[in-house]
């Protein structure tokens, strides 16, 4: 019998006042109860009870230990109640790791409504495009662009990454709209450099079911997605960017899609978490909310707002 069970048995014995009463309640014999209390006393090195044929009486050490035992059992009960509550009610602090661009453009605008719906959840947000160890960082949910090679995590695909070439209406009015790879090389470009590797994002143009590589002359190189989109919207040049960077600027009339969307099958935005088993309610409701709200905006596991443009080649 472990120490916790011995504590419960000791408290129960004091409250009921006899071995027989505890035996009847627990389904054990009085001698078994007596031997268990003796083992507890032996492990502590003190006598907890004075025993007579009719009653039991606490020793001074027993009275002190009774208070400790009750506190331990109450603390355990309170902890179990909190755990149970967290599994059935959306409460507590939720740590979420987000990539800079997708997080700022797609997730952050959804959070005020989430906070109104779930006022008992406290959000702790961090922004990073780098790999994050969820366990080591104490993170409940991570959103990342691309598939992580971590079999210990559950990966849920939020949306594909559709790439497109964009320019501002003012730029197109001044320099014309390119309609071929040859014409694209004659335009000004804003190129993107990956911060971790230093590699420049390659430029390809989909033509006749093939990706034609382009070597454009550039005006500016940046390593920040927000800067890439803003510079393009201000007429500096053409930029190749993911759909989530361009969406709001396209809706505002500040950017125009000038190429068919391009998609690499294994490139997508994923939501990562530790396990489907015993998932805290705070994690469950955040996942369901994020998926639902993105779907309402045209972002599903296999489509983005740009996906329909692929069936409209006359635009390009």
Foldseek 3Di string as FASTA:
>chain_A
DDPLVLLVLLLVCVVVWALPVSCVVVVHDSVVSVVSPVVVCVVVVHDQWDDDPPGIDGDPVNVVVNVVSVVVVVVVVVVVVVLVCQQVAQADEAEEEEEDQCCVQQPVVLPVVVCVVRVRYHYHYHYDQDDDDCVVVVHFKYKYWFDDPDPQKDKDFFFFWWKFKKAFPVLCVVQNADDDLVVQQVWEEEWEAAPPPRDIDWDWAQDPNDTHTHDHDYDYYYHDLQVRQVCRLVNRTMYMDTPSSCPVCVVVRSMDTRGQIDGDVRTGMIMIGRDPPSRGPNSVVVVVSSSVVLVVQVGGSYTRPRRVVNVVVVRD
